Amino acid sequence: MDLRADLDWIHNELEKVDDPQVVCKIQKLLKSKYLPEGNRESIQQYNDELDASIAQITNKKTFSHHEMGERIKRWAEQ
């Protein structure tokens, strides 16, 4: 595939995303491209991510091992 076709495919797939966690991961991935190579996240970013993770666990927004396995299988089929 050429770059334009790849970008079009990515755009089409993004239109289908309805999982906020996936959106968050994509945002982090895209934002990370602007960080210099080897630059670690700040302590504040690290702490914010820890707080967000703890909140997800507290609110029972987690996946069991089995559920995660099923999600991975679906991703692999795409």
PDB file of N, CA and C in Angstrom:
ATOM      1  N   MET A   1       0.834  -1.194   0.000  1.00  0.00           N
ATOM      2  CA  MET A   1       0.000   0.000   0.000  1.00  0.00           C
ATOM      3  C   MET A   1       0.875   1.252   0.000  1.00  0.00           C
ATOM      4  N   ASP A   2       0.325   2.301  -0.538  1.00  0.00           N
ATOM      5  CA  ASP A   2       1.047   3.565  -0.466  1.00  0.00           C
ATOM      6  C   ASP A   2       0.571   4.358   0.751  1.00  0.00           C
ATOM      7  N   LEU A   3       1.271   5.423   1.042  1.00  0.00           N
ATOM      8  CA  LEU A   3       0.979   6.212   2.240  1.00  0.00           C
ATOM      9  C   LEU A   3      -0.457   6.725   2.233  1.00  0.00           C
ATOM     10  N   ARG A   4      -0.919   7.236   1.106  1.00  0.00           N
ATOM     11  CA  ARG A   4      -2.279   7.787   1.038  1.00  0.00           C
ATOM     12  C   ARG A   4      -3.318   6.710   1.340  1.00  0.00           C
ATOM     13  N   ALA A   5      -3.120   5.533   0.781  1.00  0.00           N
ATOM     14  CA  ALA A   5      -4.054   4.430   1.022  1.00  0.00           C
ATOM     15  C   ALA A   5      -4.032   4.021   2.491  1.00  0.00           C
ATOM     16  N   ASP A   6      -2.842   3.983   3.087  1.00  0.00           N
ATOM     17  CA  ASP A   6      -2.732   3.652   4.511  1.00  0.00           C
ATOM     18  C   ASP A   6      -3.465   4.681   5.367  1.00  0.00           C
ATOM     19  N   LEU A   7      -3.262   5.952   5.071  1.00  0.00           N
ATOM     20  CA  LEU A   7      -3.925   7.008   5.835  1.00  0.00           C
ATOM     21  C   LEU A   7      -5.441   6.954   5.670  1.00  0.00           C
ATOM     22  N   ASP A   8      -5.894   6.671   4.463  1.00  0.00           N
ATOM     23  CA  ASP A   8      -7.341   6.543   4.228  1.00  0.00           C
ATOM     24  C   ASP A   8      -7.913   5.382   5.029  1.00  0.00           C
ATOM     25  N   TRP A   9      -7.195   4.254   5.049  1.00  0.00           N
ATOM     26  CA  TRP A   9      -7.657   3.091   5.812  1.00  0.00           C
ATOM     27  C   TRP A   9      -7.724   3.425   7.299  1.00  0.00           C
ATOM     28  N   ILE A  10      -6.671   4.073   7.820  1.00  0.00           N
ATOM     29  CA  ILE A  10      -6.647   4.454   9.237  1.00  0.00           C
ATOM     30  C   ILE A  10      -7.819   5.375   9.547  1.00  0.00           C
ATOM     31  N   HIS A  11      -8.045   6.352   8.700  1.00  0.00           N
ATOM     32  CA  HIS A  11      -9.156   7.288   8.908  1.00  0.00           C
ATOM     33  C   HIS A  11     -10.486   6.539   8.955  1.00  0.00           C
ATOM     34  N   ASN A  12     -10.696   5.628   8.029  1.00  0.00           N
ATOM     35  CA  ASN A  12     -11.944   4.853   8.006  1.00  0.00           C
ATOM     36  C   ASN A  12     -12.103   4.016   9.266  1.00  0.00           C
ATOM     37  N   GLU A  13     -11.024   3.409   9.734  1.00  0.00           N
ATOM     38  CA  GLU A  13     -11.095   2.599  10.946  1.00  0.00           C
ATOM     39  C   GLU A  13     -11.376   3.470  12.172  1.00  0.00           C
ATOM     40  N   LEU A  14     -10.787   4.655  12.222  1.00  0.00           N
ATOM     41  CA  LEU A  14     -11.017   5.558  13.352  1.00  0.00           C
ATOM     42  C   LEU A  14     -12.477   5.979  13.441  1.00  0.00           C
ATOM     43  N   GLU A  15     -13.132   6.097  12.305  1.00  0.00           N
ATOM     44  CA  GLU A  15     -14.550   6.461  12.295  1.00  0.00           C
ATOM     45  C   GLU A  15     -15.403   5.411  13.009  1.00  0.00           C
ATOM     46  N   LYS A  16     -14.917   4.179  13.083  1.00  0.00           N
ATOM     47  CA  LYS A  16     -15.674   3.076  13.683  1.00  0.00           C
ATOM     48  C   LYS A  16     -15.433   2.936  15.184  1.00  0.00           C
ATOM     49  N   VAL A  17     -14.404   3.592  15.705  1.00  0.00           N
ATOM     50  CA  VAL A  17     -14.025   3.424  17.109  1.00  0.00           C
ATOM     51  C   VAL A  17     -15.067   4.070  18.013  1.00  0.00           C
ATOM     52  N   ASP A  18     -15.541   3.284  18.994  1.00  0.00           N
ATOM     53  CA  ASP A  18     -16.495   3.832  19.961  1.00  0.00           C
ATOM     54  C   ASP A  18     -16.082   3.515  21.401  1.00  0.00           C
ATOM     55  N   ASP A  19     -14.866   3.047  21.573  1.00  0.00           N
ATOM     56  CA  ASP A  19     -14.341   2.710  22.897  1.00  0.00           C
ATOM     57  C   ASP A  19     -13.443   3.853  23.375  1.00  0.00           C
ATOM     58  N   PRO A  20     -13.832   4.562  24.444  1.00  0.00           N
ATOM     59  CA  PRO A  20     -13.035   5.694  24.925  1.00  0.00           C
ATOM     60  C   PRO A  20     -11.594   5.311  25.277  1.00  0.00           C
ATOM     61  N   GLN A  21     -11.388   4.089  25.727  1.00  0.00           N
ATOM     62  CA  GLN A  21     -10.025   3.668  26.065  1.00  0.00           C
ATOM     63  C   GLN A  21      -9.158   3.574  24.816  1.00  0.00           C
ATOM     64  N   VAL A  22      -9.744   3.115  23.723  1.00  0.00           N
ATOM     65  CA  VAL A  22      -9.002   3.040  22.464  1.00  0.00           C
ATOM     66  C   VAL A  22      -8.666   4.446  21.988  1.00  0.00           C
ATOM     67  N   VAL A  23      -9.626   5.353  22.083  1.00  0.00           N
ATOM     68  CA  VAL A  23      -9.389   6.746  21.685  1.00  0.00           C
ATOM     69  C   VAL A  23      -8.249   7.343  22.508  1.00  0.00           C
ATOM     70  N   CYS A  24      -8.253   7.090  23.804  1.00  0.00           N
ATOM     71  CA  CYS A  24      -7.203   7.602  24.686  1.00  0.00           C
ATOM     72  C   CYS A  24      -5.838   7.063  24.269  1.00  0.00           C
ATOM     73  N   LYS A  25      -5.760   5.775  23.964  1.00  0.00           N
ATOM     74  CA  LYS A  25      -4.490   5.163  23.549  1.00  0.00           C
ATOM     75  C   LYS A  25      -3.997   5.776  22.239  1.00  0.00           C
ATOM     76  N   ILE A  26      -4.914   5.994  21.304  1.00  0.00           N
ATOM     77  CA  ILE A  26      -4.536   6.583  20.021  1.00  0.00           C
ATOM     78  C   ILE A  26      -4.035   8.006  20.227  1.00  0.00           C
ATOM     79  N   GLN A  27      -4.713   8.759  21.089  1.00  0.00           N
ATOM     80  CA  GLN A  27      -4.261  10.123  21.382  1.00  0.00           C
ATOM     81  C   GLN A  27      -2.845  10.111  21.947  1.00  0.00           C
ATOM     82  N   LYS A  28      -2.593   9.222  22.900  1.00  0.00           N
ATOM     83  CA  LYS A  28      -1.260   9.146  23.500  1.00  0.00           C
ATOM     84  C   LYS A  28      -0.214   8.781  22.459  1.00  0.00           C
ATOM     85  N   LEU A  29      -0.554   7.840  21.586  1.00  0.00           N
ATOM     86  CA  LEU A  29       0.371   7.432  20.537  1.00  0.00           C
ATOM     87  C   LEU A  29       0.698   8.604  19.620  1.00  0.00           C
ATOM     88  N   LEU A  30      -0.331   9.316  19.186  1.00  0.00           N
ATOM     89  CA  LEU A  30      -0.107  10.439  18.280  1.00  0.00           C
ATOM     90  C   LEU A  30       0.648  11.580  18.955  1.00  0.00           C
ATOM     91  N   LYS A  31       0.335  11.842  20.218  1.00  0.00           N
ATOM     92  CA  LYS A  31       1.046  12.901  20.934  1.00  0.00           C
ATOM     93  C   LYS A  31       2.499  12.529  21.190  1.00  0.00           C
ATOM     94  N   SER A  32       2.773  11.245  21.344  1.00  0.00           N
ATOM     95  CA  SER A  32       4.141  10.818  21.657  1.00  0.00           C
ATOM     96  C   SER A  32       5.092  11.055  20.495  1.00  0.00           C
ATOM     97  N   LYS A  33       4.578  11.175  19.280  1.00  0.00           N
ATOM     98  CA  LYS A  33       5.472  11.389  18.140  1.00  0.00           C
ATOM     99  C   LYS A  33       6.148  12.759  18.205  1.00  0.00           C
ATOM    100  N   TYR A  34       5.609  13.633  19.021  1.00  0.00           N
ATOM    101  CA  TYR A  34       6.189  14.964  19.139  1.00  0.00           C
ATOM    102  C   TYR A  34       7.230  15.058  20.256  1.00  0.00           C
ATOM    103  N   LEU A  35       7.415  13.969  20.989  1.00  0.00           N
ATOM    104  CA  LEU A  35       8.437  13.953  22.037  1.00  0.00           C
ATOM    105  C   LEU A  35       9.770  13.552  21.423  1.00  0.00           C
ATOM    106  N   PRO A  36      10.844  14.198  21.843  1.00  0.00           N
ATOM    107  CA  PRO A  36      12.153  13.792  21.327  1.00  0.00           C
ATOM    108  C   PRO A  36      12.425  12.332  21.667  1.00  0.00           C
ATOM    109  N   GLU A  37      13.165  11.655  20.798  1.00  0.00           N
ATOM    110  CA  GLU A  37      13.542  10.261  21.007  1.00  0.00           C
ATOM    111  C   GLU A  37      14.151  10.086  22.383  1.00  0.00           C
ATOM    112  N   GLY A  38      13.696   9.100  23.099  1.00  0.00           N
ATOM    113  CA  GLY A  38      14.266   8.799  24.409  1.00  0.00           C
ATOM    114  C   GLY A  38      13.785   9.704  25.530  1.00  0.00           C
ATOM    115  N   ASN A  39      12.922  10.657  25.234  1.00  0.00           N
ATOM    116  CA  ASN A  39      12.429  11.568  26.261  1.00  0.00           C
ATOM    117  C   ASN A  39      11.346  10.867  27.064  1.00  0.00           C
ATOM    118  N   ARG A  40      11.544  10.773  28.349  1.00  0.00           N
ATOM    119  CA  ARG A  40      10.560  10.126  29.208  1.00  0.00           C
ATOM    120  C   ARG A  40       9.435  11.090  29.544  1.00  0.00           C
ATOM    121  N   GLU A  41       8.310  10.504  29.909  1.00  0.00           N
ATOM    122  CA  GLU A  41       7.205  11.353  30.322  1.00  0.00           C
ATOM    123  C   GLU A  41       7.544  12.023  31.649  1.00  0.00           C
ATOM    124  N   SER A  42       6.883  13.120  31.913  1.00  0.00           N
ATOM    125  CA  SER A  42       7.147  13.852  33.150  1.00  0.00           C
ATOM    126  C   SER A  42       6.570  13.085  34.340  1.00  0.00           C
ATOM    127  N   ILE A  43       7.030  13.430  35.519  1.00  0.00           N
ATOM    128  CA  ILE A  43       6.505  12.831  36.744  1.00  0.00           C
ATOM    129  C   ILE A  43       5.003  13.104  36.844  1.00  0.00           C
ATOM    130  N   GLN A  44       4.594  14.306  36.447  1.00  0.00           N
ATOM    131  CA  GLN A  44       3.169  14.655  36.501  1.00  0.00           C
ATOM    132  C   GLN A  44       2.358  13.763  35.569  1.00  0.00           C
ATOM    133  N   GLN A  45       2.857  13.548  34.342  1.00  0.00           N
ATOM    134  CA  GLN A  45       2.157  12.667  33.410  1.00  0.00           C
ATOM    135  C   GLN A  45       2.059  11.252  33.981  1.00  0.00           C
ATOM    136  N   TYR A  46       3.158  10.784  34.546  1.00  0.00           N
ATOM    137  CA  TYR A  46       3.200   9.450  35.146  1.00  0.00           C
ATOM    138  C   TYR A  46       2.165   9.336  36.265  1.00  0.00           C
ATOM    139  N   ASN A  47       2.157  10.322  37.154  1.00  0.00           N
ATOM    140  CA  ASN A  47       1.207  10.312  38.269  1.00  0.00           C
ATOM    141  C   ASN A  47      -0.241  10.409  37.785  1.00  0.00           C
ATOM    142  N   ASP A  48      -0.471  11.219  36.748  1.00  0.00           N
ATOM    143  CA  ASP A  48      -1.818  11.335  36.187  1.00  0.00           C
ATOM    144  C   ASP A  48      -2.292   9.994  35.623  1.00  0.00           C
ATOM    145  N   GLU A  49      -1.392   9.291  34.932  1.00  0.00           N
ATOM    146  CA  GLU A  49      -1.751   7.987  34.382  1.00  0.00           C
ATOM    147  C   GLU A  49      -2.021   6.977  35.496  1.00  0.00           C
ATOM    148  N   LEU A  50      -1.226   7.032  36.553  1.00  0.00           N
ATOM    149  CA  LEU A  50      -1.475   6.150  37.697  1.00  0.00           C
ATOM    150  C   LEU A  50      -2.843   6.436  38.309  1.00  0.00           C
ATOM    151  N   ASP A  51      -3.151   7.722  38.506  1.00  0.00           N
ATOM    152  CA  ASP A  51      -4.449   8.102  39.073  1.00  0.00           C
ATOM    153  C   ASP A  51      -5.597   7.618  38.190  1.00  0.00           C
ATOM    154  N   ALA A  52      -5.440   7.780  36.874  1.00  0.00           N
ATOM    155  CA  ALA A  52      -6.482   7.332  35.947  1.00  0.00           C
ATOM    156  C   ALA A  52      -6.651   5.814  36.018  1.00  0.00           C
ATOM    157  N   SER A  53      -5.547   5.099  36.113  1.00  0.00           N
ATOM    158  CA  SER A  53      -5.612   3.637  36.207  1.00  0.00           C
ATOM    159  C   SER A  53      -6.277   3.190  37.498  1.00  0.00           C
ATOM    160  N   ILE A  54      -5.924   3.829  38.588  1.00  0.00           N
ATOM    161  CA  ILE A  54      -6.530   3.492  39.881  1.00  0.00           C
ATOM    162  C   ILE A  54      -8.034   3.768  39.844  1.00  0.00           C
ATOM    163  N   ALA A  55      -8.421   4.879  39.219  1.00  0.00           N
ATOM    164  CA  ALA A  55      -9.846   5.210  39.107  1.00  0.00           C
ATOM    165  C   ALA A  55     -10.586   4.154  38.286  1.00  0.00           C
ATOM    166  N   GLN A  56      -9.962   3.676  37.204  1.00  0.00           N
ATOM    167  CA  GLN A  56     -10.592   2.628  36.398  1.00  0.00           C
ATOM    168  C   GLN A  56     -10.789   1.359  37.220  1.00  0.00           C
ATOM    169  N   ILE A  57      -9.792   0.994  37.992  1.00  0.00           N
ATOM    170  CA  ILE A  57      -9.895  -0.205  38.829  1.00  0.00           C
ATOM    171  C   ILE A  57     -10.979  -0.019  39.884  1.00  0.00           C
ATOM    172  N   THR A  58     -10.986   1.144  40.528  1.00  0.00           N
ATOM    173  CA  THR A  58     -11.983   1.440  41.558  1.00  0.00           C
ATOM    174  C   THR A  58     -13.399   1.375  40.994  1.00  0.00           C
ATOM    175  N   ASN A  59     -13.563   1.872  39.763  1.00  0.00           N
ATOM    176  CA  ASN A  59     -14.879   1.891  39.116  1.00  0.00           C
ATOM    177  C   ASN A  59     -15.186   0.599  38.366  1.00  0.00           C
ATOM    178  N   LYS A  60     -14.348  -0.410  38.583  1.00  0.00           N
ATOM    179  CA  LYS A  60     -14.534  -1.733  37.969  1.00  0.00           C
ATOM    180  C   LYS A  60     -14.540  -1.668  36.443  1.00  0.00           C
ATOM    181  N   LYS A  61     -13.775  -0.733  35.881  1.00  0.00           N
ATOM    182  CA  LYS A  61     -13.652  -0.632  34.428  1.00  0.00           C
ATOM    183  C   LYS A  61     -12.390  -1.378  34.000  1.00  0.00           C
ATOM    184  N   THR A  62     -12.424  -2.676  34.243  1.00  0.00           N
ATOM    185  CA  THR A  62     -11.292  -3.535  33.910  1.00  0.00           C
ATOM    186  C   THR A  62     -11.807  -4.718  33.096  1.00  0.00           C
ATOM    187  N   PHE A  63     -10.885  -5.472  32.528  1.00  0.00           N
ATOM    188  CA  PHE A  63     -11.219  -6.664  31.771  1.00  0.00           C
ATOM    189  C   PHE A  63     -10.602  -7.868  32.460  1.00  0.00           C
ATOM    190  N   SER A  64     -11.346  -8.969  32.488  1.00  0.00           N
ATOM    191  CA  SER A  64     -10.781 -10.207  33.019  1.00  0.00           C
ATOM    192  C   SER A  64      -9.767 -10.741  32.009  1.00  0.00           C
ATOM    193  N   HIS A  65      -8.988 -11.710  32.437  1.00  0.00           N
ATOM    194  CA  HIS A  65      -8.008 -12.329  31.545  1.00  0.00           C
ATOM    195  C   HIS A  65      -8.725 -12.906  30.323  1.00  0.00           C
ATOM    196  N   HIS A  66      -9.843 -13.568  30.553  1.00  0.00           N
ATOM    197  CA  HIS A  66     -10.615 -14.171  29.461  1.00  0.00           C
ATOM    198  C   HIS A  66     -11.143 -13.092  28.504  1.00  0.00           C
ATOM    199  N   GLU A  67     -11.722 -12.021  29.055  1.00  0.00           N
ATOM    200  CA  GLU A  67     -12.249 -10.935  28.216  1.00  0.00           C
ATOM    201  C   GLU A  67     -11.143 -10.310  27.374  1.00  0.00           C
ATOM    202  N   MET A  68      -9.990 -10.128  27.965  1.00  0.00           N
ATOM    203  CA  MET A  68      -8.884  -9.531  27.215  1.00  0.00           C
ATOM    204  C   MET A  68      -8.434 -10.463  26.098  1.00  0.00           C
ATOM    205  N   GLY A  69      -8.410 -11.757  26.384  1.00  0.00           N
ATOM    206  CA  GLY A  69      -8.064 -12.727  25.344  1.00  0.00           C
ATOM    207  C   GLY A  69      -9.023 -12.659  24.173  1.00  0.00           C
ATOM    208  N   GLU A  70     -10.311 -12.525  24.463  1.00  0.00           N
ATOM    209  CA  GLU A  70     -11.315 -12.415  23.402  1.00  0.00           C
ATOM    210  C   GLU A  70     -11.133 -11.126  22.603  1.00  0.00           C
ATOM    211  N   ARG A  71     -10.833 -10.038  23.271  1.00  0.00           N
ATOM    212  CA  ARG A  71     -10.598  -8.755  22.578  1.00  0.00           C
ATOM    213  C   ARG A  71      -9.394  -8.865  21.650  1.00  0.00           C
ATOM    214  N   ILE A  72      -8.343  -9.499  22.126  1.00  0.00           N
ATOM    215  CA  ILE A  72      -7.137  -9.661  21.306  1.00  0.00           C
ATOM    216  C   ILE A  72      -7.446 -10.506  20.076  1.00  0.00           C
ATOM    217  N   LYS A  73      -8.228 -11.560  20.245  1.00  0.00           N
ATOM    218  CA  LYS A  73      -8.607 -12.396  19.100  1.00  0.00           C
ATOM    219  C   LYS A  73      -9.358 -11.573  18.062  1.00  0.00           C
ATOM    220  N   ARG A  74     -10.289 -10.725  18.515  1.00  0.00           N
ATOM    221  CA  ARG A  74     -11.050  -9.884  17.579  1.00  0.00           C
ATOM    222  C   ARG A  74     -10.131  -8.904  16.859  1.00  0.00           C
ATOM    223  N   TRP A  75      -9.178  -8.320  17.592  1.00  0.00           N
ATOM    224  CA  TRP A  75      -8.239  -7.382  16.958  1.00  0.00           C
ATOM    225  C   TRP A  75      -7.405  -8.105  15.908  1.00  0.00           C
ATOM    226  N   ALA A  76      -6.982  -9.330  16.223  1.00  0.00           N
ATOM    227  CA  ALA A  76      -6.137 -10.085  15.300  1.00  0.00           C
ATOM    228  C   ALA A  76      -6.889 -10.451  14.024  1.00  0.00           C
ATOM    229  N   GLU A  77      -8.199 -10.603  14.112  1.00  0.00           N
ATOM    230  CA  GLU A  77      -9.009 -10.966  12.951  1.00  0.00           C
ATOM    231  C   GLU A  77      -9.216  -9.800  11.996  1.00  0.00           C
ATOM    232  N   GLN A  78      -9.005  -8.607  12.451  1.00  0.00           N
ATOM    233  CA  GLN A  78      -9.258  -7.421  11.608  1.00  0.00           C
ATOM    234  C   GLN A  78      -8.180  -7.241  10.581  1.00  0.00           C
TER     235      GLN A  78
END
